[in-house]
Amino acid sequence: MECKHHPNRQADHLCTICGVPMCKNCSQVVTGDRDYCFHCAMFDSILTADNSGRDEGAEPAEQTLRENRKWSPFQYFSIVSSLLLLIMWIVVVFGGSTCERVP
């Protein structure tokens, strides 16, 4: 059997995940005695790194960020200003005139 990436070399190993034949230079050993091709080794290391930092009882990051988020004074100012402008436009558009014309 030939190596997938080096056709002139003999394949000594098979990828544990996808079964690709590969030579000694292409073989990657990530965990234990398992041989991986480059792509499967990268995929396995990403999955391992992603799950290694998580605790079973830990809250998701989004929920923690929402709970710790506080409004800045600028955000309060923006909301109050927007509401006042909205009220002013409503009064201007729908308020009309209170003066009556005298003939």
N, C-alpha and C. Protein backbone atom coordinates (compact mmCIF):
# COMPACT_ATOMS: atom_id res chain seq x y z
N MET A 1 0.85 -1.17 0.00
CA MET A 1 0.00 0.00 0.00
C MET A 1 0.90 1.24 0.00
N GLU A 2 0.50 2.29 -0.72
CA GLU A 2 1.27 3.51 -0.82
C GLU A 2 0.75 4.57 0.13
N CYS A 3 1.65 5.46 0.54
CA CYS A 3 1.27 6.61 1.37
C CYS A 3 0.41 7.55 0.52
N LYS A 4 -0.59 8.16 1.13
CA LYS A 4 -1.49 9.05 0.40
C LYS A 4 -0.74 10.28 -0.13
N HIS A 5 0.18 10.82 0.66
CA HIS A 5 0.87 12.05 0.29
C HIS A 5 2.22 11.80 -0.38
N HIS A 6 2.78 10.61 -0.21
CA HIS A 6 4.06 10.26 -0.83
C HIS A 6 3.89 8.94 -1.59
N PRO A 7 3.50 9.00 -2.85
CA PRO A 7 3.22 7.77 -3.61
C PRO A 7 4.42 6.84 -3.77
N ASN A 8 5.63 7.34 -3.61
CA ASN A 8 6.80 6.49 -3.77
C ASN A 8 7.23 5.80 -2.47
N ARG A 9 6.50 6.05 -1.37
CA ARG A 9 6.84 5.44 -0.08
C ARG A 9 5.80 4.39 0.32
N GLN A 10 6.25 3.43 1.08
CA GLN A 10 5.37 2.37 1.59
C GLN A 10 4.59 2.90 2.79
N ALA A 11 3.31 2.60 2.85
CA ALA A 11 2.46 3.02 3.98
C ALA A 11 2.64 2.03 5.12
N ASP A 12 3.10 2.54 6.26
CA ASP A 12 3.30 1.70 7.44
C ASP A 12 2.16 1.82 8.45
N HIS A 13 1.38 2.88 8.34
CA HIS A 13 0.33 3.16 9.33
C HIS A 13 -0.98 3.49 8.63
N LEU A 14 -2.07 3.31 9.36
CA LEU A 14 -3.39 3.74 8.91
C LEU A 14 -3.94 4.72 9.94
N CYS A 15 -4.61 5.76 9.46
CA CYS A 15 -5.23 6.73 10.37
C CYS A 15 -6.33 6.03 11.15
N THR A 16 -6.35 6.27 12.45
CA THR A 16 -7.33 5.64 13.32
C THR A 16 -8.76 6.09 12.99
N ILE A 17 -8.91 7.34 12.56
CA ILE A 17 -10.25 7.89 12.32
C ILE A 17 -10.72 7.65 10.89
N CYS A 18 -9.94 8.08 9.90
CA CYS A 18 -10.42 8.01 8.51
C CYS A 18 -9.83 6.84 7.72
N GLY A 19 -8.82 6.16 8.25
CA GLY A 19 -8.27 4.99 7.59
C GLY A 19 -7.35 5.26 6.42
N VAL A 20 -6.83 6.47 6.30
CA VAL A 20 -5.93 6.83 5.21
C VAL A 20 -4.57 6.15 5.42
N PRO A 21 -4.02 5.50 4.39
CA PRO A 21 -2.68 4.92 4.53
C PRO A 21 -1.62 6.01 4.49
N MET A 22 -0.61 5.91 5.39
CA MET A 22 0.42 6.93 5.45
C MET A 22 1.76 6.34 5.89
N CYS A 23 2.82 7.04 5.51
CA CYS A 23 4.17 6.60 5.88
C CYS A 23 4.51 7.10 7.28
N LYS A 24 5.73 6.80 7.75
CA LYS A 24 6.15 7.21 9.09
C LYS A 24 6.21 8.73 9.22
N ASN A 25 6.60 9.43 8.15
CA ASN A 25 6.69 10.89 8.21
C ASN A 25 5.32 11.56 8.30
N CYS A 26 4.31 10.96 7.73
CA CYS A 26 2.98 11.55 7.74
C CYS A 26 2.18 11.19 8.99
N SER A 27 2.58 10.17 9.68
CA SER A 27 1.84 9.70 10.85
C SER A 27 2.00 10.66 12.02
N GLN A 28 0.90 11.00 12.67
CA GLN A 28 0.89 11.87 13.84
C GLN A 28 0.36 11.06 15.01
N VAL A 29 1.08 11.05 16.12
CA VAL A 29 0.61 10.36 17.33
C VAL A 29 0.17 11.45 18.30
N VAL A 30 -1.15 11.52 18.58
CA VAL A 30 -1.68 12.57 19.45
C VAL A 30 -1.86 12.05 20.86
N THR A 31 -2.63 11.01 21.03
CA THR A 31 -2.89 10.45 22.36
C THR A 31 -2.65 8.95 22.31
N GLY A 32 -1.92 8.45 23.27
CA GLY A 32 -1.70 7.00 23.33
C GLY A 32 -0.90 6.49 22.16
N ASP A 33 -1.29 5.33 21.65
CA ASP A 33 -0.58 4.70 20.53
C ASP A 33 -1.36 4.81 19.23
N ARG A 34 -2.30 5.70 19.16
CA ARG A 34 -3.12 5.85 17.96
C ARG A 34 -2.40 6.70 16.93
N ASP A 35 -2.48 6.29 15.69
CA ASP A 35 -1.90 7.04 14.58
C ASP A 35 -3.00 7.84 13.89
N TYR A 36 -2.70 9.10 13.62
CA TYR A 36 -3.64 9.98 12.94
C TYR A 36 -2.97 10.61 11.73
N CYS A 37 -3.78 10.92 10.72
CA CYS A 37 -3.27 11.75 9.63
C CYS A 37 -3.28 13.20 10.13
N PHE A 38 -2.70 14.11 9.36
CA PHE A 38 -2.58 15.49 9.81
C PHE A 38 -3.94 16.12 10.11
N HIS A 39 -4.91 15.92 9.22
CA HIS A 39 -6.22 16.54 9.38
C HIS A 39 -6.96 15.99 10.60
N CYS A 40 -6.92 14.69 10.79
CA CYS A 40 -7.60 14.10 11.94
C CYS A 40 -6.90 14.46 13.25
N ALA A 41 -5.56 14.62 13.22
CA ALA A 41 -4.82 15.03 14.41
C ALA A 41 -5.21 16.44 14.81
N MET A 42 -5.34 17.33 13.83
CA MET A 42 -5.77 18.70 14.12
C MET A 42 -7.18 18.71 14.69
N PHE A 43 -8.07 17.95 14.08
CA PHE A 43 -9.46 17.88 14.54
C PHE A 43 -9.51 17.35 15.97
N ASP A 44 -8.75 16.29 16.26
CA ASP A 44 -8.75 15.72 17.60
C ASP A 44 -8.18 16.69 18.63
N SER A 45 -7.12 17.41 18.27
CA SER A 45 -6.53 18.35 19.22
C SER A 45 -7.46 19.53 19.49
N ILE A 46 -8.21 19.97 18.48
CA ILE A 46 -9.18 21.05 18.68
C ILE A 46 -10.30 20.59 19.61
N LEU A 47 -10.81 19.39 19.39
CA LEU A 47 -11.87 18.88 20.26
C LEU A 47 -11.38 18.69 21.68
N THR A 48 -10.17 18.20 21.85
CA THR A 48 -9.61 17.99 23.18
C THR A 48 -9.40 19.31 23.88
N ALA A 49 -8.87 20.30 23.18
CA ALA A 49 -8.62 21.61 23.78
C ALA A 49 -9.92 22.31 24.12
N ASP A 50 -10.95 22.14 23.29
CA ASP A 50 -12.23 22.80 23.53
C ASP A 50 -12.92 22.23 24.76
N ASN A 51 -12.84 20.95 24.99
CA ASN A 51 -13.54 20.32 26.11
C ASN A 51 -12.72 20.26 27.38
N SER A 52 -11.41 20.50 27.32
CA SER A 52 -10.58 20.34 28.50
C SER A 52 -10.81 21.43 29.53
N GLY A 53 -11.17 22.62 29.13
CA GLY A 53 -11.33 23.72 30.07
C GLY A 53 -12.71 23.83 30.67
N ARG A 54 -13.63 22.97 30.33
CA ARG A 54 -15.00 23.08 30.81
C ARG A 54 -15.23 22.23 32.05
N ASP A 55 -15.94 22.79 33.00
CA ASP A 55 -16.38 22.04 34.16
C ASP A 55 -17.80 21.57 33.92
N GLU A 56 -18.16 20.47 34.53
CA GLU A 56 -19.51 19.94 34.33
C GLU A 56 -20.57 20.89 34.88
N GLY A 57 -20.30 21.51 36.04
CA GLY A 57 -21.30 22.37 36.67
C GLY A 57 -21.17 23.83 36.32
N ALA A 58 -20.25 24.18 35.44
CA ALA A 58 -20.03 25.58 35.11
C ALA A 58 -21.15 26.11 34.23
N GLU A 59 -21.46 27.39 34.42
CA GLU A 59 -22.50 28.03 33.61
C GLU A 59 -21.92 28.37 32.24
N PRO A 60 -22.76 28.42 31.23
CA PRO A 60 -22.29 28.84 29.91
C PRO A 60 -21.77 30.27 29.96
N ALA A 61 -20.82 30.57 29.11
CA ALA A 61 -20.18 31.89 29.12
C ALA A 61 -21.17 33.01 28.81
N GLU A 62 -22.11 32.78 27.90
CA GLU A 62 -23.08 33.82 27.54
C GLU A 62 -23.95 34.21 28.73
N GLN A 63 -24.40 33.23 29.48
CA GLN A 63 -25.25 33.51 30.62
C GLN A 63 -24.48 34.30 31.68
N THR A 64 -23.24 33.96 31.91
CA THR A 64 -22.42 34.68 32.88
C THR A 64 -22.19 36.11 32.43
N LEU A 65 -21.94 36.32 31.14
CA LEU A 65 -21.74 37.68 30.64
C LEU A 65 -22.99 38.52 30.78
N ARG A 66 -24.16 37.95 30.52
CA ARG A 66 -25.40 38.70 30.66
C ARG A 66 -25.63 39.12 32.10
N GLU A 67 -25.33 38.26 33.05
CA GLU A 67 -25.55 38.58 34.45
C GLU A 67 -24.59 39.64 34.94
N ASN A 68 -23.36 39.67 34.43
CA ASN A 68 -22.36 40.63 34.88
C ASN A 68 -22.37 41.94 34.12
N ARG A 69 -23.16 42.03 33.07
CA ARG A 69 -23.17 43.23 32.24
C ARG A 69 -23.92 44.35 32.96
N LYS A 70 -23.32 45.52 33.00
CA LYS A 70 -23.96 46.69 33.59
C LYS A 70 -23.99 47.79 32.55
N TRP A 71 -24.97 48.65 32.67
CA TRP A 71 -25.10 49.74 31.73
C TRP A 71 -24.19 50.89 32.13
N SER A 72 -23.59 51.50 31.13
CA SER A 72 -22.75 52.66 31.38
C SER A 72 -23.63 53.91 31.39
N PRO A 73 -23.13 55.02 31.95
CA PRO A 73 -23.91 56.27 31.95
C PRO A 73 -24.28 56.72 30.55
N PHE A 74 -23.41 56.47 29.57
CA PHE A 74 -23.73 56.86 28.20
C PHE A 74 -24.94 56.11 27.67
N GLN A 75 -25.07 54.82 28.02
CA GLN A 75 -26.22 54.05 27.56
C GLN A 75 -27.52 54.59 28.19
N TYR A 76 -27.47 54.94 29.47
CA TYR A 76 -28.65 55.55 30.10
C TYR A 76 -29.00 56.87 29.41
N PHE A 77 -28.00 57.71 29.16
CA PHE A 77 -28.22 58.99 28.50
C PHE A 77 -28.84 58.79 27.12
N SER A 78 -28.33 57.82 26.36
CA SER A 78 -28.85 57.57 25.01
C SER A 78 -30.31 57.14 25.04
N ILE A 79 -30.65 56.28 25.97
CA ILE A 79 -32.03 55.79 26.05
C ILE A 79 -32.98 56.91 26.47
N VAL A 80 -32.60 57.68 27.49
CA VAL A 80 -33.46 58.78 27.95
C VAL A 80 -33.61 59.83 26.85
N SER A 81 -32.53 60.17 26.17
CA SER A 81 -32.60 61.16 25.09
C SER A 81 -33.50 60.67 23.95
N SER A 82 -33.38 59.41 23.61
CA SER A 82 -34.21 58.85 22.54
C SER A 82 -35.69 58.89 22.92
N LEU A 83 -35.98 58.55 24.14
CA LEU A 83 -37.38 58.59 24.58
C LEU A 83 -37.92 60.02 24.57
N LEU A 84 -37.15 61.00 25.02
CA LEU A 84 -37.60 62.39 25.00
C LEU A 84 -37.83 62.88 23.58
N LEU A 85 -36.93 62.53 22.66
CA LEU A 85 -37.12 62.91 21.26
C LEU A 85 -38.37 62.26 20.67
N LEU A 86 -38.61 61.01 21.02
CA LEU A 86 -39.80 60.33 20.53
C LEU A 86 -41.06 61.02 21.05
N ILE A 87 -41.08 61.38 22.31
CA ILE A 87 -42.24 62.06 22.89
C ILE A 87 -42.44 63.42 22.22
N MET A 88 -41.35 64.15 21.97
CA MET A 88 -41.47 65.45 21.31
C MET A 88 -42.06 65.31 19.91
N TRP A 89 -41.62 64.32 19.14
CA TRP A 89 -42.15 64.13 17.80
C TRP A 89 -43.62 63.70 17.83
N ILE A 90 -43.99 62.91 18.80
CA ILE A 90 -45.40 62.51 18.92
C ILE A 90 -46.25 63.73 19.20
N VAL A 91 -45.78 64.61 20.08
CA VAL A 91 -46.53 65.83 20.39
C VAL A 91 -46.62 66.73 19.18
N VAL A 92 -45.53 66.88 18.44
CA VAL A 92 -45.53 67.75 17.26
C VAL A 92 -46.45 67.20 16.19
N VAL A 93 -46.39 65.90 15.93
CA VAL A 93 -47.17 65.33 14.83
C VAL A 93 -48.64 65.19 15.20
N PHE A 94 -48.93 64.68 16.40
CA PHE A 94 -50.33 64.40 16.75
C PHE A 94 -50.94 65.42 17.71
N GLY A 95 -50.14 66.33 18.23
CA GLY A 95 -50.64 67.27 19.23
C GLY A 95 -51.59 68.30 18.68
N GLY A 96 -51.23 68.83 17.56
CA GLY A 96 -52.09 69.85 16.94
C GLY A 96 -52.01 71.17 17.68
N SER A 97 -52.84 72.08 17.27
CA SER A 97 -52.87 73.42 17.85
C SER A 97 -54.02 73.51 18.84
N THR A 98 -53.79 74.25 19.94
CA THR A 98 -54.85 74.42 20.94
C THR A 98 -55.51 75.76 20.78
N CYS A 99 -54.99 76.62 19.92
CA CYS A 99 -55.59 77.94 19.70
C CYS A 99 -56.72 77.83 18.70
N GLU A 100 -57.81 78.52 19.02
CA GLU A 100 -58.93 78.53 18.09
C GLU A 100 -58.94 79.85 17.35
N ARG A 101 -59.37 79.80 16.11
CA ARG A 101 -59.45 81.02 15.32
C ARG A 101 -60.76 81.72 15.64
N VAL A 102 -60.60 82.97 15.81
CA VAL A 102 -61.80 83.77 16.05
C VAL A 102 -62.11 84.51 14.75
N PRO A 103 -63.32 84.35 14.25
CA PRO A 103 -63.65 85.01 12.97
C PRO A 103 -63.82 86.49 13.09
